Amino acid sequence: MQNVETLHREAMELVDQVVLARQQGDAEAGVKFSRAAFTKERAAADLVANQFDLEPTRSVLHRSAAVLAIECNSDLAPLLIILVRQWFENNFKAILCCNICIAADLVEQVEPDN
């Protein structure tokens, strides 16, 4: 099994590929790289999901995975909701005002009527 640092680093390398693909006008490759980055970042977030002593790393990974879920496509909306909930679970000391606003915006993009 890969460790958290390796998964996160690989996810960020894939995000670089997303940017490059978009700059080159290759939307299909951009989506492919976004999904691959999401998969790696979600795996990293899952590895630390219940390790509350690893804040703020735990929150950062969940927020990053949530943003990548939106980048991929709306079919990942249910996963986005799970990631945002995990992001805030028992995480009172790490919740900053900006994080609350970001999470609310992410949920609003998926569930605009709630």
N, C-alpha and C. Protein backbone atom coordinates (compact mmCIF):
# COMPACT_ATOMS: atom_id res chain seq x y z
N MET A 1 0.84 -1.18 0.00
CA MET A 1 0.00 0.00 0.00
C MET A 1 0.89 1.25 0.00
N GLN A 2 0.47 2.23 -0.78
CA GLN A 2 1.23 3.48 -0.84
C GLN A 2 0.96 4.32 0.39
N ASN A 3 1.91 5.17 0.74
CA ASN A 3 1.71 6.02 1.90
C ASN A 3 1.06 7.35 1.50
N VAL A 4 0.65 8.09 2.49
CA VAL A 4 -0.09 9.33 2.27
C VAL A 4 0.74 10.33 1.46
N GLU A 5 1.99 10.51 1.83
CA GLU A 5 2.84 11.48 1.15
C GLU A 5 3.02 11.15 -0.32
N THR A 6 3.22 9.87 -0.62
CA THR A 6 3.40 9.44 -2.01
C THR A 6 2.13 9.66 -2.81
N LEU A 7 1.00 9.26 -2.26
CA LEU A 7 -0.28 9.45 -2.97
C LEU A 7 -0.54 10.93 -3.23
N HIS A 8 -0.32 11.76 -2.23
CA HIS A 8 -0.56 13.20 -2.41
C HIS A 8 0.38 13.79 -3.46
N ARG A 9 1.66 13.43 -3.38
CA ARG A 9 2.63 13.95 -4.37
C ARG A 9 2.23 13.53 -5.78
N GLU A 10 1.83 12.27 -5.96
CA GLU A 10 1.41 11.79 -7.27
C GLU A 10 0.15 12.51 -7.74
N ALA A 11 -0.76 12.78 -6.82
CA ALA A 11 -1.97 13.51 -7.18
C ALA A 11 -1.62 14.91 -7.68
N MET A 12 -0.71 15.58 -6.98
CA MET A 12 -0.34 16.93 -7.38
C MET A 12 0.42 16.94 -8.71
N GLU A 13 1.19 15.90 -8.98
CA GLU A 13 1.85 15.78 -10.28
C GLU A 13 0.82 15.62 -11.39
N LEU A 14 -0.25 14.88 -11.10
CA LEU A 14 -1.33 14.72 -12.07
C LEU A 14 -2.08 16.04 -12.28
N VAL A 15 -2.22 16.84 -11.23
CA VAL A 15 -2.84 18.15 -11.37
C VAL A 15 -2.00 19.02 -12.31
N ASP A 16 -0.69 18.93 -12.21
CA ASP A 16 0.17 19.65 -13.16
C ASP A 16 -0.13 19.22 -14.60
N GLN A 17 -0.39 17.93 -14.78
CA GLN A 17 -0.73 17.42 -16.11
C GLN A 17 -2.09 17.95 -16.58
N VAL A 18 -3.01 18.14 -15.64
CA VAL A 18 -4.32 18.73 -15.96
C VAL A 18 -4.11 20.13 -16.52
N VAL A 19 -3.32 20.92 -15.83
CA VAL A 19 -3.06 22.30 -16.26
C VAL A 19 -2.43 22.31 -17.64
N LEU A 20 -1.45 21.47 -17.85
CA LEU A 20 -0.78 21.39 -19.15
C LEU A 20 -1.75 20.98 -20.25
N ALA A 21 -2.57 19.98 -19.98
CA ALA A 21 -3.55 19.52 -20.99
C ALA A 21 -4.53 20.64 -21.34
N ARG A 22 -4.99 21.37 -20.33
CA ARG A 22 -5.91 22.48 -20.59
C ARG A 22 -5.24 23.58 -21.41
N GLN A 23 -3.98 23.86 -21.10
CA GLN A 23 -3.25 24.87 -21.86
C GLN A 23 -3.10 24.48 -23.32
N GLN A 24 -3.01 23.18 -23.55
CA GLN A 24 -2.87 22.67 -24.91
C GLN A 24 -4.21 22.44 -25.59
N GLY A 25 -5.30 22.72 -24.87
CA GLY A 25 -6.63 22.57 -25.45
C GLY A 25 -7.13 21.14 -25.51
N ASP A 26 -6.53 20.25 -24.75
CA ASP A 26 -6.92 18.84 -24.75
C ASP A 26 -7.82 18.56 -23.55
N ALA A 27 -9.11 18.85 -23.71
CA ALA A 27 -10.07 18.69 -22.62
C ALA A 27 -10.19 17.23 -22.19
N GLU A 28 -10.14 16.31 -23.13
CA GLU A 28 -10.27 14.89 -22.80
C GLU A 28 -9.13 14.43 -21.88
N ALA A 29 -7.92 14.84 -22.21
CA ALA A 29 -6.77 14.48 -21.36
C ALA A 29 -6.90 15.16 -20.00
N GLY A 30 -7.40 16.39 -19.99
CA GLY A 30 -7.60 17.10 -18.73
C GLY A 30 -8.53 16.35 -17.80
N VAL A 31 -9.63 15.83 -18.34
CA VAL A 31 -10.58 15.05 -17.54
C VAL A 31 -9.93 13.77 -17.05
N LYS A 32 -9.19 13.12 -17.91
CA LYS A 32 -8.51 11.87 -17.53
C LYS A 32 -7.53 12.11 -16.38
N PHE A 33 -6.73 13.15 -16.49
CA PHE A 33 -5.77 13.46 -15.44
C PHE A 33 -6.47 13.92 -14.16
N SER A 34 -7.58 14.66 -14.29
CA SER A 34 -8.33 15.09 -13.11
C SER A 34 -8.85 13.90 -12.33
N ARG A 35 -9.42 12.93 -13.05
CA ARG A 35 -9.94 11.73 -12.38
C ARG A 35 -8.83 10.94 -11.70
N ALA A 36 -7.70 10.83 -12.37
CA ALA A 36 -6.57 10.11 -11.78
C ALA A 36 -6.06 10.84 -10.53
N ALA A 37 -6.00 12.16 -10.59
CA ALA A 37 -5.56 12.95 -9.44
C ALA A 37 -6.55 12.80 -8.29
N PHE A 38 -7.84 12.85 -8.61
CA PHE A 38 -8.86 12.66 -7.57
C PHE A 38 -8.71 11.31 -6.90
N THR A 39 -8.52 10.26 -7.69
CA THR A 39 -8.40 8.91 -7.14
C THR A 39 -7.24 8.83 -6.15
N LYS A 40 -6.11 9.41 -6.52
CA LYS A 40 -4.94 9.38 -5.62
C LYS A 40 -5.18 10.22 -4.37
N GLU A 41 -5.74 11.42 -4.54
CA GLU A 41 -5.94 12.30 -3.39
C GLU A 41 -7.01 11.73 -2.46
N ARG A 42 -8.04 11.13 -3.04
CA ARG A 42 -9.07 10.49 -2.21
C ARG A 42 -8.47 9.33 -1.41
N ALA A 43 -7.60 8.56 -2.04
CA ALA A 43 -6.94 7.45 -1.34
C ALA A 43 -6.08 7.98 -0.18
N ALA A 44 -5.37 9.08 -0.42
CA ALA A 44 -4.57 9.68 0.65
C ALA A 44 -5.46 10.17 1.78
N ALA A 45 -6.57 10.83 1.43
CA ALA A 45 -7.50 11.33 2.45
C ALA A 45 -8.10 10.17 3.24
N ASP A 46 -8.43 9.10 2.56
CA ASP A 46 -9.02 7.94 3.24
C ASP A 46 -8.05 7.33 4.26
N LEU A 47 -6.76 7.37 3.95
CA LEU A 47 -5.77 6.79 4.86
C LEU A 47 -5.69 7.54 6.19
N VAL A 48 -6.05 8.82 6.18
CA VAL A 48 -5.97 9.61 7.42
C VAL A 48 -7.34 10.07 7.92
N ALA A 49 -8.40 9.52 7.36
CA ALA A 49 -9.75 9.99 7.67
C ALA A 49 -10.07 9.99 9.16
N ASN A 50 -9.59 9.01 9.89
CA ASN A 50 -9.90 8.90 11.31
C ASN A 50 -8.71 9.24 12.21
N GLN A 51 -7.71 9.84 11.64
CA GLN A 51 -6.51 10.21 12.42
C GLN A 51 -6.55 11.71 12.70
N PHE A 52 -7.36 12.08 13.68
CA PHE A 52 -7.58 13.49 13.98
C PHE A 52 -6.35 14.17 14.55
N ASP A 53 -5.40 13.40 15.01
CA ASP A 53 -4.16 13.99 15.51
C ASP A 53 -3.26 14.49 14.38
N LEU A 54 -3.62 14.19 13.14
CA LEU A 54 -2.82 14.62 11.99
C LEU A 54 -3.31 15.92 11.36
N GLU A 55 -4.11 16.69 12.12
CA GLU A 55 -4.52 17.99 11.61
C GLU A 55 -3.31 18.92 11.56
N PRO A 56 -3.21 19.79 10.59
CA PRO A 56 -4.19 20.11 9.56
C PRO A 56 -4.06 19.26 8.29
N THR A 57 -3.10 18.34 8.26
CA THR A 57 -2.91 17.51 7.06
C THR A 57 -4.19 16.80 6.66
N ARG A 58 -4.89 16.23 7.63
CA ARG A 58 -6.13 15.51 7.36
C ARG A 58 -7.14 16.41 6.65
N SER A 59 -7.33 17.62 7.14
CA SER A 59 -8.29 18.55 6.54
C SER A 59 -7.87 18.98 5.14
N VAL A 60 -6.58 19.24 4.98
CA VAL A 60 -6.08 19.68 3.68
C VAL A 60 -6.31 18.61 2.63
N LEU A 61 -6.05 17.35 2.96
CA LEU A 61 -6.26 16.26 2.01
C LEU A 61 -7.73 16.11 1.64
N HIS A 62 -8.62 16.22 2.62
CA HIS A 62 -10.05 16.10 2.32
C HIS A 62 -10.54 17.28 1.48
N ARG A 63 -10.06 18.48 1.79
CA ARG A 63 -10.46 19.64 1.00
C ARG A 63 -9.95 19.50 -0.43
N SER A 64 -8.71 19.08 -0.59
CA SER A 64 -8.12 18.90 -1.91
C SER A 64 -8.89 17.85 -2.71
N ALA A 65 -9.21 16.73 -2.08
CA ALA A 65 -9.98 15.69 -2.77
C ALA A 65 -11.36 16.20 -3.17
N ALA A 66 -11.98 17.01 -2.31
CA ALA A 66 -13.30 17.57 -2.63
C ALA A 66 -13.22 18.49 -3.84
N VAL A 67 -12.21 19.33 -3.90
CA VAL A 67 -12.04 20.23 -5.04
C VAL A 67 -11.79 19.42 -6.31
N LEU A 68 -10.99 18.39 -6.23
CA LEU A 68 -10.73 17.55 -7.40
C LEU A 68 -11.99 16.81 -7.84
N ALA A 69 -12.85 16.45 -6.91
CA ALA A 69 -14.11 15.80 -7.28
C ALA A 69 -14.95 16.73 -8.15
N ILE A 70 -14.96 18.00 -7.80
CA ILE A 70 -15.70 18.97 -8.62
C ILE A 70 -15.05 19.13 -9.98
N GLU A 71 -13.73 19.15 -10.01
CA GLU A 71 -13.00 19.29 -11.27
C GLU A 71 -13.31 18.13 -12.23
N CYS A 72 -13.54 16.96 -11.67
CA CYS A 72 -13.75 15.77 -12.50
C CYS A 72 -15.08 15.83 -13.23
N ASN A 73 -16.15 15.97 -12.47
CA ASN A 73 -17.47 15.93 -13.07
C ASN A 73 -18.51 15.87 -11.98
N SER A 74 -19.72 16.21 -12.31
CA SER A 74 -20.78 16.22 -11.31
C SER A 74 -21.20 14.81 -10.89
N ASP A 75 -20.80 13.77 -11.62
CA ASP A 75 -21.17 12.41 -11.21
C ASP A 75 -20.45 11.99 -9.94
N LEU A 76 -19.50 12.78 -9.51
CA LEU A 76 -18.82 12.50 -8.25
C LEU A 76 -19.42 13.28 -7.09
N ALA A 77 -20.57 13.89 -7.30
CA ALA A 77 -21.21 14.70 -6.27
C ALA A 77 -21.42 13.95 -4.95
N PRO A 78 -21.90 12.71 -4.97
CA PRO A 78 -22.05 12.01 -3.68
C PRO A 78 -20.73 11.86 -2.93
N LEU A 79 -19.64 11.63 -3.65
CA LEU A 79 -18.33 11.53 -3.00
C LEU A 79 -17.92 12.88 -2.43
N LEU A 80 -18.26 13.95 -3.12
CA LEU A 80 -17.93 15.28 -2.63
C LEU A 80 -18.58 15.54 -1.28
N ILE A 81 -19.84 15.18 -1.14
CA ILE A 81 -20.54 15.38 0.12
C ILE A 81 -19.86 14.59 1.24
N ILE A 82 -19.48 13.35 0.96
CA ILE A 82 -18.79 12.52 1.95
C ILE A 82 -17.47 13.17 2.36
N LEU A 83 -16.72 13.65 1.38
CA LEU A 83 -15.42 14.26 1.68
C LEU A 83 -15.56 15.51 2.52
N VAL A 84 -16.55 16.34 2.21
CA VAL A 84 -16.74 17.56 3.00
C VAL A 84 -17.15 17.21 4.42
N ARG A 85 -18.01 16.21 4.58
CA ARG A 85 -18.41 15.79 5.93
C ARG A 85 -17.21 15.25 6.71
N GLN A 86 -16.38 14.44 6.04
CA GLN A 86 -15.19 13.91 6.71
C GLN A 86 -14.21 15.03 7.06
N TRP A 87 -14.16 16.02 6.20
CA TRP A 87 -13.28 17.15 6.41
C TRP A 87 -13.57 17.82 7.75
N PHE A 88 -14.86 17.95 8.08
CA PHE A 88 -15.25 18.66 9.29
C PHE A 88 -15.47 17.76 10.50
N GLU A 89 -15.51 16.46 10.31
CA GLU A 89 -15.80 15.55 11.41
C GLU A 89 -14.78 15.69 12.54
N ASN A 90 -15.28 16.00 13.72
CA ASN A 90 -14.43 16.13 14.92
C ASN A 90 -13.21 17.01 14.70
N ASN A 91 -13.37 18.05 13.93
CA ASN A 91 -12.24 18.86 13.53
C ASN A 91 -12.41 20.31 13.96
N PHE A 92 -12.83 20.51 15.19
CA PHE A 92 -13.17 21.84 15.65
C PHE A 92 -11.98 22.80 15.67
N LYS A 93 -10.82 22.34 16.10
CA LYS A 93 -9.69 23.25 16.21
C LYS A 93 -9.11 23.64 14.86
N ALA A 94 -9.32 22.83 13.82
CA ALA A 94 -8.73 23.12 12.52
C ALA A 94 -9.67 23.89 11.60
N ILE A 95 -10.91 24.06 12.00
CA ILE A 95 -11.86 24.77 11.14
C ILE A 95 -11.62 26.26 11.26
N LEU A 96 -11.24 26.85 10.16
CA LEU A 96 -11.05 28.29 10.09
C LEU A 96 -12.20 28.87 9.27
N CYS A 97 -12.43 30.13 9.42
CA CYS A 97 -13.53 30.79 8.72
C CYS A 97 -13.45 30.56 7.21
N CYS A 98 -12.27 30.65 6.64
CA CYS A 98 -12.15 30.46 5.19
C CYS A 98 -12.50 29.04 4.79
N ASN A 99 -12.17 28.06 5.62
CA ASN A 99 -12.51 26.68 5.31
C ASN A 99 -14.02 26.47 5.31
N ILE A 100 -14.71 27.10 6.24
CA ILE A 100 -16.17 27.00 6.29
C ILE A 100 -16.77 27.57 5.01
N CYS A 101 -16.28 28.70 4.58
CA CYS A 101 -16.79 29.32 3.36
C CYS A 101 -16.52 28.45 2.14
N ILE A 102 -15.33 27.89 2.06
CA ILE A 102 -14.99 27.03 0.93
C ILE A 102 -15.89 25.80 0.91
N ALA A 103 -16.07 25.16 2.05
CA ALA A 103 -16.91 23.97 2.12
C ALA A 103 -18.35 24.30 1.73
N ALA A 104 -18.86 25.40 2.22
CA ALA A 104 -20.23 25.80 1.88
C ALA A 104 -20.37 26.02 0.38
N ASP A 105 -19.38 26.64 -0.23
CA ASP A 105 -19.41 26.85 -1.68
C ASP A 105 -19.37 25.53 -2.43
N LEU A 106 -18.56 24.57 -1.95
CA LEU A 106 -18.48 23.27 -2.61
C LEU A 106 -19.82 22.54 -2.55
N VAL A 107 -20.44 22.55 -1.40
CA VAL A 107 -21.73 21.88 -1.24
C VAL A 107 -22.79 22.59 -2.08
N GLU A 108 -22.77 23.90 -2.11
CA GLU A 108 -23.73 24.68 -2.89
C GLU A 108 -23.64 24.33 -4.38
N GLN A 109 -22.43 24.07 -4.86
CA GLN A 109 -22.26 23.70 -6.28
C GLN A 109 -22.92 22.37 -6.57
N VAL A 110 -22.98 21.49 -5.59
CA VAL A 110 -23.54 20.15 -5.80
C VAL A 110 -25.02 20.11 -5.47
N GLU A 111 -25.41 20.77 -4.38
CA GLU A 111 -26.80 20.76 -3.92
C GLU A 111 -27.29 22.20 -3.78
N PRO A 112 -27.57 22.88 -4.89
CA PRO A 112 -27.91 24.31 -4.81
C PRO A 112 -29.21 24.61 -4.09
N ASP A 113 -30.10 23.64 -3.93
CA ASP A 113 -31.40 23.89 -3.29
C ASP A 113 -31.38 23.72 -1.78
N ASN A 114 -30.28 23.24 -1.22
CA ASN A 114 -30.21 22.99 0.23
C ASN A 114 -29.53 24.10 0.96
